[in-house]
Amino acid sequence: VLVEHDMELVMRVSDTVVVLHFGRKIAEGTGHEVQNHPEVIHV
């Protein structure tokens, strides 16, 4: 379980990416899916 700010590393090694915002999960999926998730883009 990798907590990290370096997005290049995250997208390189991760199978699943979970995105948190103010303590709430707003997205989960592959790196590509998270990159294109509407709420992630908006936030």
Full PDB file with SEQRES, HELIX, SHEET, SSBOND, CRYST1, ORIGX, SCALE, CONECT and MASTER records, all heavy atoms in Angstrom:
SEQRES   1 A   43  VAL LEU VAL GLU HIS ASP MET GLU LEU VAL MET ARG VAL          
SEQRES   2 A   43  SER ASP THR VAL VAL VAL LEU HIS PHE GLY ARG LYS ILE          
SEQRES   3 A   43  ALA GLU GLY THR GLY HIS GLU VAL GLN ASN HIS PRO GLU          
SEQRES   4 A   43  VAL ILE HIS VAL                                              
HELIX    1 AA1 MET A    7  VAL A   13  1                                   7    
HELIX    2 AA2 GLY A   31  GLN A   35  1                                   5    
HELIX    3 AA3 PRO A   38  HIS A   42  1                                   5    
SHEET    1 AA1 2 VAL A  17  HIS A  21  0                                        
SHEET    2 AA1 2 ARG A  24  GLY A  29 -1                                        
CRYST1    1.000    1.000    1.000  90.00  90.00  90.00 P 1           1          
ORIGX1      1.000000  0.000000  0.000000        0.00000                         
ORIGX2      0.000000  1.000000  0.000000        0.00000                         
ORIGX3      0.000000  0.000000  1.000000        0.00000                         
SCALE1      1.000000  0.000000  0.000000        0.00000                         
SCALE2      0.000000  1.000000  0.000000        0.00000                         
SCALE3      0.000000  0.000000  1.000000        0.00000                         
ATOM      1  N   VAL A   1       0.883  -1.170   0.000  1.00  0.00           N  
ATOM      2  CA  VAL A   1       0.000   0.000   0.000  1.00  0.00           C  
ATOM      3  C   VAL A   1       0.911   1.207   0.000  1.00  0.00           C  
ATOM      4  O   VAL A   1       1.699   1.414   0.926  1.00  0.00           O  
ATOM      5  CB  VAL A   1      -0.939   0.025   1.218  1.00  0.00           C  
ATOM      6  CG1 VAL A   1      -1.750   1.322   1.241  1.00  0.00           C  
ATOM      7  CG2 VAL A   1      -1.889  -1.173   1.184  1.00  0.00           C  
ATOM      8  N   LEU A   2       0.824   1.993  -1.054  1.00  0.00           N  
ATOM      9  CA  LEU A   2       1.766   3.080  -1.308  1.00  0.00           C  
ATOM     10  C   LEU A   2       1.079   4.432  -1.163  1.00  0.00           C  
ATOM     11  O   LEU A   2       0.215   4.785  -1.961  1.00  0.00           O  
ATOM     12  CB  LEU A   2       2.341   2.918  -2.722  1.00  0.00           C  
ATOM     13  CG  LEU A   2       3.230   4.026  -3.278  1.00  0.00           C  
ATOM     14  CD1 LEU A   2       4.518   4.129  -2.483  1.00  0.00           C  
ATOM     15  CD2 LEU A   2       3.529   3.766  -4.758  1.00  0.00           C  
ATOM     16  N   VAL A   3       1.457   5.181  -0.127  1.00  0.00           N  
ATOM     17  CA  VAL A   3       1.017   6.572   0.011  1.00  0.00           C  
ATOM     18  C   VAL A   3       2.116   7.438  -0.587  1.00  0.00           C  
ATOM     19  O   VAL A   3       3.262   7.413  -0.119  1.00  0.00           O  
ATOM     20  CB  VAL A   3       0.778   6.937   1.485  1.00  0.00           C  
ATOM     21  CG1 VAL A   3       0.574   8.443   1.639  1.00  0.00           C  
ATOM     22  CG2 VAL A   3      -0.433   6.194   2.025  1.00  0.00           C  
ATOM     23  N   GLU A   4       1.784   8.187  -1.622  1.00  0.00           N  
ATOM     24  CA  GLU A   4       2.844   8.908  -2.336  1.00  0.00           C  
ATOM     25  C   GLU A   4       2.297  10.106  -3.093  1.00  0.00           C  
ATOM     26  O   GLU A   4       1.154  10.098  -3.552  1.00  0.00           O  
ATOM     27  CB  GLU A   4       3.543   7.940  -3.312  1.00  0.00           C  
ATOM     28  CG  GLU A   4       4.770   8.478  -3.989  1.00  0.00           C  
ATOM     29  CD  GLU A   4       5.748   9.093  -3.013  1.00  0.00           C  
ATOM     30  OE1 GLU A   4       6.302   8.372  -2.147  1.00  0.00           O  
ATOM     31  OE2 GLU A   4       5.946  10.329  -3.096  1.00  0.00           O  
ATOM     32  N   HIS A   5       3.144  11.155  -3.205  1.00  0.00           N  
ATOM     33  CA  HIS A   5       2.787  12.347  -3.976  1.00  0.00           C  
ATOM     34  C   HIS A   5       3.388  12.321  -5.383  1.00  0.00           C  
ATOM     35  O   HIS A   5       2.946  13.069  -6.243  1.00  0.00           O  
ATOM     36  CB  HIS A   5       3.285  13.606  -3.261  1.00  0.00           C  
ATOM     37  CG  HIS A   5       2.504  13.960  -2.036  1.00  0.00           C  
ATOM     38  ND1 HIS A   5       1.236  14.500  -2.088  1.00  0.00           N  
ATOM     39  CD2 HIS A   5       2.802  13.859  -0.721  1.00  0.00           C  
ATOM     40  CE1 HIS A   5       0.794  14.719  -0.862  1.00  0.00           C  
ATOM     41  NE2 HIS A   5       1.726  14.333  -0.009  1.00  0.00           N  
ATOM     42  N   ASP A   6       4.402  11.516  -5.603  1.00  0.00           N  
ATOM     43  CA  ASP A   6       5.066  11.473  -6.899  1.00  0.00           C  
ATOM     44  C   ASP A   6       4.190  10.686  -7.875  1.00  0.00           C  
ATOM     45  O   ASP A   6       4.179   9.455  -7.888  1.00  0.00           O  
ATOM     46  CB  ASP A   6       6.442  10.808  -6.748  1.00  0.00           C  
ATOM     47  CG  ASP A   6       7.298  10.918  -8.006  1.00  0.00           C  
ATOM     48  OD1 ASP A   6       6.769  10.627  -9.104  1.00  0.00           O  
ATOM     49  OD2 ASP A   6       8.472  11.286  -7.895  1.00  0.00           O  
ATOM     50  N   MET A   7       3.478  11.414  -8.713  1.00  0.00           N  
ATOM     51  CA  MET A   7       2.503  10.780  -9.599  1.00  0.00           C  
ATOM     52  C   MET A   7       3.151   9.950 -10.703  1.00  0.00           C  
ATOM     53  O   MET A   7       2.580   8.962 -11.163  1.00  0.00           O  
ATOM     54  CB  MET A   7       1.574  11.832 -10.221  1.00  0.00           C  
ATOM     55  CG  MET A   7       0.595  12.425  -9.230  1.00  0.00           C  
ATOM     56  SD  MET A   7      -0.455  11.157  -8.468  1.00  0.00           S  
ATOM     57  CE  MET A   7       0.316  11.002  -6.864  1.00  0.00           C  
ATOM     58  N   GLU A   8       4.346  10.313 -11.103  1.00  0.00           N  
ATOM     59  CA  GLU A   8       5.027   9.517 -12.120  1.00  0.00           C  
ATOM     60  C   GLU A   8       5.330   8.126 -11.578  1.00  0.00           C  
ATOM     61  O   GLU A   8       5.119   7.116 -12.264  1.00  0.00           O  
ATOM     62  CB  GLU A   8       6.322  10.212 -12.555  1.00  0.00           C  
ATOM     63  CG  GLU A   8       7.034   9.505 -13.695  1.00  0.00           C  
ATOM     64  CD  GLU A   8       8.231  10.279 -14.212  1.00  0.00           C  
ATOM     65  OE1 GLU A   8       8.346  11.481 -13.899  1.00  0.00           O  
ATOM     66  OE2 GLU A   8       9.057   9.670 -14.927  1.00  0.00           O  
ATOM     67  N   LEU A   9       5.792   8.059 -10.335  1.00  0.00           N  
ATOM     68  CA  LEU A   9       6.045   6.771  -9.706  1.00  0.00           C  
ATOM     69  C   LEU A   9       4.748   5.997  -9.503  1.00  0.00           C  
ATOM     70  O   LEU A   9       4.674   4.795  -9.789  1.00  0.00           O  
ATOM     71  CB  LEU A   9       6.750   6.968  -8.354  1.00  0.00           C  
ATOM     72  CG  LEU A   9       6.980   5.691  -7.545  1.00  0.00           C  
ATOM     73  CD1 LEU A   9       8.037   4.824  -8.215  1.00  0.00           C  
ATOM     74  CD2 LEU A   9       7.379   6.020  -6.108  1.00  0.00           C  
ATOM     75  N   VAL A  10       3.718   6.677  -9.011  1.00  0.00           N  
ATOM     76  CA  VAL A  10       2.431   6.028  -8.755  1.00  0.00           C  
ATOM     77  C   VAL A  10       1.889   5.399 -10.029  1.00  0.00           C  
ATOM     78  O   VAL A  10       1.463   4.231 -10.038  1.00  0.00           O  
ATOM     79  CB  VAL A  10       1.426   7.046  -8.177  1.00  0.00           C  
ATOM     80  CG1 VAL A  10       0.011   6.482  -8.210  1.00  0.00           C  
ATOM     81  CG2 VAL A  10       1.805   7.415  -6.748  1.00  0.00           C  
ATOM     82  N   MET A  11       1.899   6.146 -11.119  1.00  0.00           N  
ATOM     83  CA  MET A  11       1.354   5.628 -12.371  1.00  0.00           C  
ATOM     84  C   MET A  11       2.220   4.509 -12.947  1.00  0.00           C  
ATOM     85  O   MET A  11       1.732   3.630 -13.649  1.00  0.00           O  
ATOM     86  CB  MET A  11       1.193   6.760 -13.387  1.00  0.00           C  
ATOM     87  CG  MET A  11       0.212   7.831 -12.944  1.00  0.00           C  
ATOM     88  SD  MET A  11      -1.428   7.162 -12.571  1.00  0.00           S  
ATOM     89  CE  MET A  11      -2.185   8.545 -11.696  1.00  0.00           C  
ATOM     90  N   ARG A  12       3.499   4.537 -12.627  1.00  0.00           N  
ATOM     91  CA  ARG A  12       4.406   3.500 -13.138  1.00  0.00           C  
ATOM     92  C   ARG A  12       4.189   2.160 -12.444  1.00  0.00           C  
ATOM     93  O   ARG A  12       4.149   1.125 -13.114  1.00  0.00           O  
ATOM     94  CB  ARG A  12       5.859   3.951 -12.948  1.00  0.00           C  
ATOM     95  CG  ARG A  12       6.888   2.855 -13.198  1.00  0.00           C  
ATOM     96  CD  ARG A  12       8.287   3.276 -12.780  1.00  0.00           C  
ATOM     97  NE  ARG A  12       9.170   2.124 -12.633  1.00  0.00           N  
ATOM     98  CZ  ARG A  12      10.395   2.180 -12.134  1.00  0.00           C  
ATOM     99  NH1 ARG A  12      10.898   3.337 -11.744  1.00  0.00           N  
ATOM    100  NH2 ARG A  12      11.124   1.086 -12.027  1.00  0.00           N  
ATOM    101  N   VAL A  13       4.037   2.149 -11.122  1.00  0.00           N  
ATOM    102  CA  VAL A  13       4.093   0.876 -10.390  1.00  0.00           C  
ATOM    103  C   VAL A  13       2.741   0.363  -9.902  1.00  0.00           C  
ATOM    104  O   VAL A  13       2.618  -0.820  -9.577  1.00  0.00           O  
ATOM    105  CB  VAL A  13       5.048   0.988  -9.172  1.00  0.00           C  
ATOM    106  CG1 VAL A  13       6.434   1.430  -9.614  1.00  0.00           C  
ATOM    107  CG2 VAL A  13       4.497   1.922  -8.097  1.00  0.00           C  
ATOM    108  N   SER A  14       1.726   1.208  -9.838  1.00  0.00           N  
ATOM    109  CA  SER A  14       0.485   0.831  -9.153  1.00  0.00           C  
ATOM    110  C   SER A  14      -0.463   0.018 -10.036  1.00  0.00           C  
ATOM    111  O   SER A  14      -0.621   0.294 -11.224  1.00  0.00           O  
ATOM    112  CB  SER A  14      -0.248   2.083  -8.663  1.00  0.00           C  
ATOM    113  OG  SER A  14       0.566   2.807  -7.766  1.00  0.00           O  
ATOM    114  N   ASP A  15      -1.103  -0.965  -9.407  1.00  0.00           N  
ATOM    115  CA  ASP A  15      -2.176  -1.705 -10.067  1.00  0.00           C  
ATOM    116  C   ASP A  15      -3.512  -1.007  -9.854  1.00  0.00           C  
ATOM    117  O   ASP A  15      -4.369  -1.001 -10.734  1.00  0.00           O  
ATOM    118  CB  ASP A  15      -2.252  -3.126  -9.502  1.00  0.00           C  
ATOM    119  CG  ASP A  15      -0.974  -3.901  -9.751  1.00  0.00           C  
ATOM    120  OD1 ASP A  15      -0.756  -4.326 -10.892  1.00  0.00           O  
ATOM    121  OD2 ASP A  15      -0.184  -4.072  -8.799  1.00  0.00           O  
ATOM    122  N   THR A  16      -3.696  -0.431  -8.663  1.00  0.00           N  
ATOM    123  CA  THR A  16      -4.922   0.276  -8.305  1.00  0.00           C  
ATOM    124  C   THR A  16      -4.550   1.583  -7.629  1.00  0.00           C  
ATOM    125  O   THR A  16      -3.608   1.630  -6.835  1.00  0.00           O  
ATOM    126  CB  THR A  16      -5.786  -0.562  -7.342  1.00  0.00           C  
ATOM    127  OG1 THR A  16      -6.081  -1.823  -7.948  1.00  0.00           O  
ATOM    128  CG2 THR A  16      -7.085   0.151  -7.003  1.00  0.00           C  
ATOM    129  N   VAL A  17      -5.289   2.630  -7.952  1.00  0.00           N  
ATOM    130  CA  VAL A  17      -5.070   3.939  -7.334  1.00  0.00           C  
ATOM    131  C   VAL A  17      -6.353   4.369  -6.636  1.00  0.00           C  
ATOM    132  O   VAL A  17      -7.435   4.352  -7.237  1.00  0.00           O  
ATOM    133  CB  VAL A  17      -4.664   5.003  -8.376  1.00  0.00           C  
ATOM    134  CG1 VAL A  17      -4.448   6.361  -7.700  1.00  0.00           C  
ATOM    135  CG2 VAL A  17      -3.400   4.574  -9.116  1.00  0.00           C  
ATOM    136  N   VAL A  18      -6.243   4.713  -5.362  1.00  0.00           N  
ATOM    137  CA  VAL A  18      -7.364   5.219  -4.566  1.00  0.00           C  
ATOM    138  C   VAL A  18      -7.106   6.700  -4.300  1.00  0.00           C  
ATOM    139  O   VAL A  18      -6.023   7.072  -3.835  1.00  0.00           O  
ATOM    140  CB  VAL A  18      -7.475   4.454  -3.226  1.00  0.00           C  
ATOM    141  CG1 VAL A  18      -8.578   5.045  -2.367  1.00  0.00           C  
ATOM    142  CG2 VAL A  18      -7.709   2.975  -3.475  1.00  0.00           C  
ATOM    143  N   VAL A  19      -8.087   7.530  -4.598  1.00  0.00           N  
ATOM    144  CA  VAL A  19      -7.935   8.978  -4.416  1.00  0.00           C  
ATOM    145  C   VAL A  19      -8.793   9.440  -3.242  1.00  0.00           C  
ATOM    146  O   VAL A  19     -10.003   9.196  -3.219  1.00  0.00           O  
ATOM    147  CB  VAL A  19      -8.347   9.754  -5.690  1.00  0.00           C  
ATOM    148  CG1 VAL A  19      -8.034  11.245  -5.517  1.00  0.00           C  
ATOM    149  CG2 VAL A  19      -7.626   9.205  -6.919  1.00  0.00           C  
ATOM    150  N   LEU A  20      -8.169  10.096  -2.276  1.00  0.00           N  
ATOM    151  CA  LEU A  20      -8.878  10.655  -1.129  1.00  0.00           C  
ATOM    152  C   LEU A  20      -8.913  12.170  -1.229  1.00  0.00           C  
ATOM    153  O   LEU A  20      -7.971  12.802  -1.733  1.00  0.00           O  
ATOM    154  CB  LEU A  20      -8.190  10.259   0.184  1.00  0.00           C  
ATOM    155  CG  LEU A  20      -8.045   8.770   0.497  1.00  0.00           C  
ATOM    156  CD1 LEU A  20      -7.424   8.579   1.881  1.00  0.00           C  
ATOM    157  CD2 LEU A  20      -9.385   8.053   0.415  1.00  0.00           C  
ATOM    158  N   HIS A  21      -9.996  12.740  -0.719  1.00  0.00           N  
ATOM    159  CA  HIS A  21     -10.139  14.202  -0.677  1.00  0.00           C  
ATOM    160  C   HIS A  21     -10.948  14.548   0.564  1.00  0.00           C  
ATOM    161  O   HIS A  21     -12.095  14.120   0.707  1.00  0.00           O  
ATOM    162  CB  HIS A  21     -10.843  14.707  -1.933  1.00  0.00           C  
ATOM    163  CG  HIS A  21     -10.945  16.197  -2.007  1.00  0.00           C  
ATOM    164  ND1 HIS A  21      -9.854  17.033  -1.921  1.00  0.00           N  
ATOM    165  CD2 HIS A  21     -12.032  17.007  -2.175  1.00  0.00           C  
ATOM    166  CE1 HIS A  21     -10.250  18.293  -2.025  1.00  0.00           C  
ATOM    167  NE2 HIS A  21     -11.567  18.306  -2.171  1.00  0.00           N  
ATOM    168  N   PHE A  22     -10.332  15.286   1.493  1.00  0.00           N  
ATOM    169  CA  PHE A  22     -10.965  15.625   2.774  1.00  0.00           C  
ATOM    170  C   PHE A  22     -11.503  14.376   3.484  1.00  0.00           C  
ATOM    171  O   PHE A  22     -12.616  14.375   4.011  1.00  0.00           O  
ATOM    172  CB  PHE A  22     -12.079  16.661   2.577  1.00  0.00           C  
ATOM    173  CG  PHE A  22     -11.561  18.025   2.219  1.00  0.00           C  
ATOM    174  CD1 PHE A  22     -12.018  18.664   1.076  1.00  0.00           C  
ATOM    175  CD2 PHE A  22     -10.634  18.678   3.018  1.00  0.00           C  
ATOM    176  CE1 PHE A  22     -11.553  19.925   0.733  1.00  0.00           C  
ATOM    177  CE2 PHE A  22     -10.163  19.936   2.678  1.00  0.00           C  
ATOM    178  CZ  PHE A  22     -10.605  20.566   1.530  1.00  0.00           C  
ATOM    179  N   GLY A  23     -10.707  13.303   3.465  1.00  0.00           N  
ATOM    180  CA  GLY A  23     -11.071  12.096   4.187  1.00  0.00           C  
ATOM    181  C   GLY A  23     -12.056  11.181   3.489  1.00  0.00           C  
ATOM    182  O   GLY A  23     -12.390  10.121   4.017  1.00  0.00           O  
ATOM    183  N   ARG A  24     -12.486  11.552   2.305  1.00  0.00           N  
ATOM    184  CA  ARG A  24     -13.477  10.760   1.575  1.00  0.00           C  
ATOM    185  C   ARG A  24     -12.870  10.202   0.302  1.00  0.00           C  
ATOM    186  O   ARG A  24     -12.106  10.890  -0.386  1.00  0.00           O  
ATOM    187  CB  ARG A  24     -14.680  11.642   1.224  1.00  0.00           C  
ATOM    188  CG  ARG A  24     -15.835  10.930   0.551  1.00  0.00           C  
ATOM    189  CD  ARG A  24     -17.017  11.880   0.361  1.00  0.00           C  
ATOM    190  NE  ARG A  24     -16.673  13.007  -0.488  1.00  0.00           N  
ATOM    191  CZ  ARG A  24     -16.798  13.009  -1.816  1.00  0.00           C  
ATOM    192  NH1 ARG A  24     -17.247  11.928  -2.454  1.00  0.00           N  
ATOM    193  NH2 ARG A  24     -16.474  14.083  -2.521  1.00  0.00           N  
ATOM    194  N   LYS A  25     -13.190   8.956  -0.023  1.00  0.00           N  
ATOM    195  CA  LYS A  25     -12.719   8.385  -1.286  1.00  0.00           C  
ATOM    196  C   LYS A  25     -13.561   8.932  -2.433  1.00  0.00           C  
ATOM    197  O   LYS A  25     -14.781   8.771  -2.444  1.00  0.00           O  
ATOM    198  CB  LYS A  25     -12.811   6.856  -1.257  1.00  0.00           C  
ATOM    199  CG  LYS A  25     -12.218   6.207  -2.505  1.00  0.00           C  
ATOM    200  CD  LYS A  25     -12.208   4.683  -2.416  1.00  0.00           C  
ATOM    201  CE  LYS A  25     -13.582   4.101  -2.663  1.00  0.00           C  
ATOM    202  NZ  LYS A  25     -13.546   2.612  -2.743  1.00  0.00           N  
ATOM    203  N   ILE A  26     -12.884   9.544  -3.412  1.00  0.00           N  
ATOM    204  CA  ILE A  26     -13.627  10.107  -4.546  1.00  0.00           C  
ATOM    205  C   ILE A  26     -13.413   9.312  -5.822  1.00  0.00           C  
ATOM    206  O   ILE A  26     -14.153   9.518  -6.804  1.00  0.00           O  
ATOM    207  CB  ILE A  26     -13.262  11.588  -4.784  1.00  0.00           C  
ATOM    208  CG1 ILE A  26     -11.777  11.736  -5.148  1.00  0.00           C  
ATOM    209  CG2 ILE A  26     -13.606  12.427  -3.554  1.00  0.00           C  
ATOM    210  CD1 ILE A  26     -11.420  13.149  -5.598  1.00  0.00           C  
ATOM    211  N   ALA A  27     -12.413   8.423  -5.834  1.00  0.00           N  
ATOM    212  CA  ALA A  27     -12.184   7.632  -7.047  1.00  0.00           C  
ATOM    213  C   ALA A  27     -11.321   6.426  -6.716  1.00  0.00           C  
ATOM    214  O   ALA A  27     -10.535   6.452  -5.764  1.00  0.00           O  
ATOM    215  CB  ALA A  27     -11.511   8.471  -8.133  1.00  0.00           C  
ATOM    216  N   GLU A  28     -11.467   5.380  -7.515  1.00  0.00           N  
ATOM    217  CA  GLU A  28     -10.629   4.184  -7.396  1.00  0.00           C  
ATOM    218  C   GLU A  28     -10.603   3.479  -8.733  1.00  0.00           C  
ATOM    219  O   GLU A  28     -11.629   3.359  -9.409  1.00  0.00           O  
ATOM    220  CB  GLU A  28     -11.160   3.231  -6.322  1.00  0.00           C  
ATOM    221  CG  GLU A  28     -10.330   1.962  -6.160  1.00  0.00           C  
ATOM    222  CD  GLU A  28     -10.838   1.066  -5.038  1.00  0.00           C  
ATOM    223  OE1 GLU A  28     -11.867   1.406  -4.411  1.00  0.00           O  
ATOM    224  OE2 GLU A  28     -10.210   0.021  -4.792  1.00  0.00           O  
ATOM    225  N   GLY A  29      -9.432   3.050  -9.143  1.00  0.00           N  
ATOM    226  CA  GLY A  29      -9.313   2.345 -10.412  1.00  0.00           C  
ATOM    227  C   GLY A  29      -7.866   2.284 -10.846  1.00  0.00           C  
ATOM    228  O   GLY A  29      -6.948   2.509 -10.068  1.00  0.00           O  
ATOM    229  N   THR A  30      -7.648   1.968 -12.119  1.00  0.00           N  
ATOM    230  CA  THR A  30      -6.294   1.997 -12.662  1.00  0.00           C  
ATOM    231  C   THR A  30      -5.824   3.442 -12.768  1.00  0.00           C  
ATOM    232  O   THR A  30      -6.623   4.387 -12.644  1.00  0.00           O  
ATOM    233  CB  THR A  30      -6.261   1.351 -14.050  1.00  0.00           C  
ATOM    234  OG1 THR A  30      -7.047   2.155 -14.956  1.00  0.00           O  
ATOM    235  CG2 THR A  30      -6.813  -0.067 -14.020  1.00  0.00           C  
ATOM    236  N   GLY A  31      -4.540   3.614 -13.024  1.00  0.00           N  
ATOM    237  CA  GLY A  31      -4.022   4.968 -13.176  1.00  0.00           C  
ATOM    238  C   GLY A  31      -4.739   5.725 -14.272  1.00  0.00           C  
ATOM    239  O   GLY A  31      -5.087   6.899 -14.110  1.00  0.00           O  
ATOM    240  N   HIS A  32      -4.973   5.055 -15.399  1.00  0.00           N  
ATOM    241  CA  HIS A  32      -5.665   5.702 -16.519  1.00  0.00           C  
ATOM    242  C   HIS A  32      -7.087   6.099 -16.131  1.00  0.00           C  
ATOM    243  O   HIS A  32      -7.544   7.207 -16.453  1.00  0.00           O  
ATOM    244  CB  HIS A  32      -5.694   4.761 -17.727  1.00  0.00           C  
ATOM    245  CG  HIS A  32      -6.447   5.295 -18.898  1.00  0.00           C  
ATOM    246  ND1 HIS A  32      -5.944   6.288 -19.722  1.00  0.00           N  
ATOM    247  CD2 HIS A  32      -7.690   4.990 -19.382  1.00  0.00           C  
ATOM    248  CE1 HIS A  32      -6.839   6.565 -20.661  1.00  0.00           C  
ATOM    249  NE2 HIS A  32      -7.897   5.784 -20.478  1.00  0.00           N  
ATOM    250  N   GLU A  33      -7.788   5.208 -15.427  1.00  0.00           N  
ATOM    251  CA  GLU A  33      -9.167   5.507 -15.032  1.00  0.00           C  
ATOM    252  C   GLU A  33      -9.220   6.689 -14.069  1.00  0.00           C  
ATOM    253  O   GLU A  33     -10.095   7.563 -14.192  1.00  0.00           O  
ATOM    254  CB  GLU A  33      -9.798   4.274 -14.388  1.00  0.00           C  
ATOM    255  CG  GLU A  33     -10.064   3.139 -15.374  1.00  0.00           C  
ATOM    256  CD  GLU A  33     -10.418   1.835 -14.686  1.00  0.00           C  
ATOM    257  OE1 GLU A  33     -10.146   1.682 -13.474  1.00  0.00           O  
ATOM    258  OE2 GLU A  33     -10.974   0.950 -15.360  1.00  0.00           O  
ATOM    259  N   VAL A  34      -8.297   6.724 -13.136  1.00  0.00           N  
ATOM    260  CA  VAL A  34      -8.279   7.828 -12.159  1.00  0.00           C  
ATOM    261  C   VAL A  34      -7.926   9.140 -12.834  1.00  0.00           C  
ATOM    262  O   VAL A  34      -8.506  10.182 -12.527  1.00  0.00           O  
ATOM    263  CB  VAL A  34      -7.282   7.487 -11.026  1.00  0.00           C  
ATOM    264  CG1 VAL A  34      -6.956   8.726 -10.202  1.00  0.00           C  
ATOM    265  CG2 VAL A  34      -7.852   6.395 -10.132  1.00  0.00           C  
ATOM    266  N   GLN A  35      -6.971   9.111 -13.770  1.00  0.00           N  
ATOM    267  CA  GLN A  35      -6.578  10.320 -14.492  1.00  0.00           C  
ATOM    268  C   GLN A  35      -7.760  10.957 -15.213  1.00  0.00           C  
ATOM    269  O   GLN A  35      -7.812  12.178 -15.373  1.00  0.00           O  
ATOM    270  CB  GLN A  35      -5.488  10.002 -15.512  1.00  0.00           C  
ATOM    271  CG  GLN A  35      -4.098   9.835 -14.917  1.00  0.00           C  
ATOM    272  CD  GLN A  35      -3.081   9.513 -15.990  1.00  0.00           C  
ATOM    273  OE1 GLN A  35      -3.358   8.744 -16.916  1.00  0.00           O  
ATOM    274  NE2 GLN A  35      -1.897  10.096 -15.881  1.00  0.00           N  
ATOM    275  N   ASN A  36      -8.686  10.126 -15.650  1.00  0.00           N  
ATOM    276  CA  ASN A  36      -9.807  10.625 -16.447  1.00  0.00           C  
ATOM    277  C   ASN A  36     -11.125  10.653 -15.672  1.00  0.00           C  
ATOM    278  O   ASN A  36     -12.182  10.848 -16.263  1.00  0.00           O  
ATOM    279  CB  ASN A  36      -9.967   9.760 -17.700  1.00  0.00           C  
ATOM    280  CG  ASN A  36      -8.803   9.913 -18.660  1.00  0.00           C  
ATOM    281  OD1 ASN A  36      -8.735  10.863 -19.426  1.00  0.00           O  
ATOM    282  ND2 ASN A  36      -7.871   8.976 -18.595  1.00  0.00           N  
ATOM    283  N   HIS A  37     -11.051  10.465 -14.348  1.00  0.00           N  
ATOM    284  CA  HIS A  37     -12.259  10.484 -13.522  1.00  0.00           C  
ATOM    285  C   HIS A  37     -12.750  11.930 -13.378  1.00  0.00           C  
ATOM    286  O   HIS A  37     -11.986  12.816 -12.977  1.00  0.00           O  
ATOM    287  CB  HIS A  37     -11.958   9.884 -12.153  1.00  0.00           C  
ATOM    288  CG  HIS A  37     -13.185   9.625 -11.331  1.00  0.00           C  
ATOM    289  ND1 HIS A  37     -13.856  10.634 -10.666  1.00  0.00           N  
ATOM    290  CD2 HIS A  37     -13.853   8.467 -11.060  1.00  0.00           C  
ATOM    291  CE1 HIS A  37     -14.876  10.108 -10.020  1.00  0.00           C  
ATOM    292  NE2 HIS A  37     -14.903   8.806 -10.241  1.00  0.00           N  
ATOM    293  N   PRO A  38     -14.015  12.219 -13.679  1.00  0.00           N  
ATOM    294  CA  PRO A  38     -14.512  13.600 -13.660  1.00  0.00           C  
ATOM    295  C   PRO A  38     -14.309  14.308 -12.334  1.00  0.00           C  
ATOM    296  O   PRO A  38     -13.914  15.493 -12.310  1.00  0.00           O  
ATOM    297  CB  PRO A  38     -16.014  13.437 -13.979  1.00  0.00           C  
ATOM    298  CG  PRO A  38     -16.099  12.137 -14.718  1.00  0.00           C  
ATOM    299  CD  PRO A  38     -15.048  11.258 -14.127  1.00  0.00           C  
ATOM    300  N   GLU A  39     -14.572  13.623 -11.210  1.00  0.00           N  
ATOM    301  CA  GLU A  39     -14.440  14.296  -9.918  1.00  0.00           C  
ATOM    302  C   GLU A  39     -12.981  14.576  -9.589  1.00  0.00           C  
ATOM    303  O   GLU A  39     -12.657  15.620  -9.012  1.00  0.00           O  
ATOM    304  CB  GLU A  39     -15.074  13.459  -8.804  1.00  0.00           C  
ATOM    305  CG  GLU A  39     -15.175  14.226  -7.486  1.00  0.00           C  
ATOM    306  CD  GLU A  39     -16.015  13.514  -6.445  1.00  0.00           C  
ATOM    307  OE1 GLU A  39     -16.546  12.421  -6.736  1.00  0.00           O  
ATOM    308  OE2 GLU A  39     -16.153  14.061  -5.338  1.00  0.00           O  
ATOM    309  N   VAL A  40     -12.099  13.683  -9.971  1.00  0.00           N  
ATOM    310  CA  VAL A  40     -10.669  13.912  -9.735  1.00  0.00           C  
ATOM    311  C   VAL A  40     -10.193  15.105 -10.549  1.00  0.00           C  
ATOM    312  O   VAL A  40      -9.475  15.982 -10.047  1.00  0.00           O  
ATOM    313  CB  VAL A  40      -9.848  12.656 -10.091  1.00  0.00           C  
ATOM    314  CG1 VAL A  40      -8.352  12.932  -9.965  1.00  0.00           C  
ATOM    315  CG2 VAL A  40     -10.241  11.501  -9.187  1.00  0.00           C  
ATOM    316  N   ILE A  41     -10.587  15.163 -11.795  1.00  0.00           N  
ATOM    317  CA  ILE A  41     -10.218  16.299 -12.656  1.00  0.00           C  
ATOM    318  C   ILE A  41     -10.752  17.597 -12.073  1.00  0.00           C  
ATOM    319  O   ILE A  41     -10.049  18.613 -12.003  1.00  0.00           O  
ATOM    320  CB  ILE A  41     -10.749  16.085 -14.085  1.00  0.00           C  
ATOM    321  CG1 ILE A  41     -10.029  14.905 -14.752  1.00  0.00           C  
ATOM    322  CG2 ILE A  41     -10.565  17.352 -14.912  1.00  0.00           C  
ATOM    323  CD1 ILE A  41     -10.596  14.524 -16.102  1.00  0.00           C  
ATOM    324  N   HIS A  42     -11.991  17.581 -11.615  1.00  0.00           N  
ATOM    325  CA  HIS A  42     -12.602  18.790 -11.060  1.00  0.00           C  
ATOM    326  C   HIS A  42     -11.898  19.244  -9.792  1.00  0.00           C  
ATOM    327  O   HIS A  42     -11.587  20.428  -9.624  1.00  0.00           O  
ATOM    328  CB  HIS A  42     -14.077  18.546 -10.762  1.00  0.00           C  
ATOM    329  CG  HIS A  42     -14.752  19.714 -10.112  1.00  0.00           C  
ATOM    330  ND1 HIS A  42     -15.088  20.866 -10.806  1.00  0.00           N  
ATOM    331  CD2 HIS A  42     -15.126  19.932  -8.817  1.00  0.00           C  
ATOM    332  CE1 HIS A  42     -15.647  21.724  -9.975  1.00  0.00           C  
ATOM    333  NE2 HIS A  42     -15.681  21.187  -8.760  1.00  0.00           N  
ATOM    334  N   VAL A  43     -11.599  18.291  -8.895  1.00  0.00           N  
ATOM    335  CA  VAL A  43     -11.005  18.644  -7.607  1.00  0.00           C  
ATOM    336  C   VAL A  43      -9.583  19.143  -7.764  1.00  0.00           C  
ATOM    337  O   VAL A  43      -9.190  20.147  -7.173  1.00  0.00           O  
ATOM    338  CB  VAL A  43     -11.040  17.437  -6.648  1.00  0.00           C  
ATOM    339  CG1 VAL A  43     -10.157  17.677  -5.428  1.00  0.00           C  
ATOM    340  CG2 VAL A  43     -12.475  17.160  -6.209  1.00  0.00           C  
TER     341      VAL A  43                                                      
MASTER        0    0    0    3    2    0    0    6  340    1    0    4          
END                                                                             
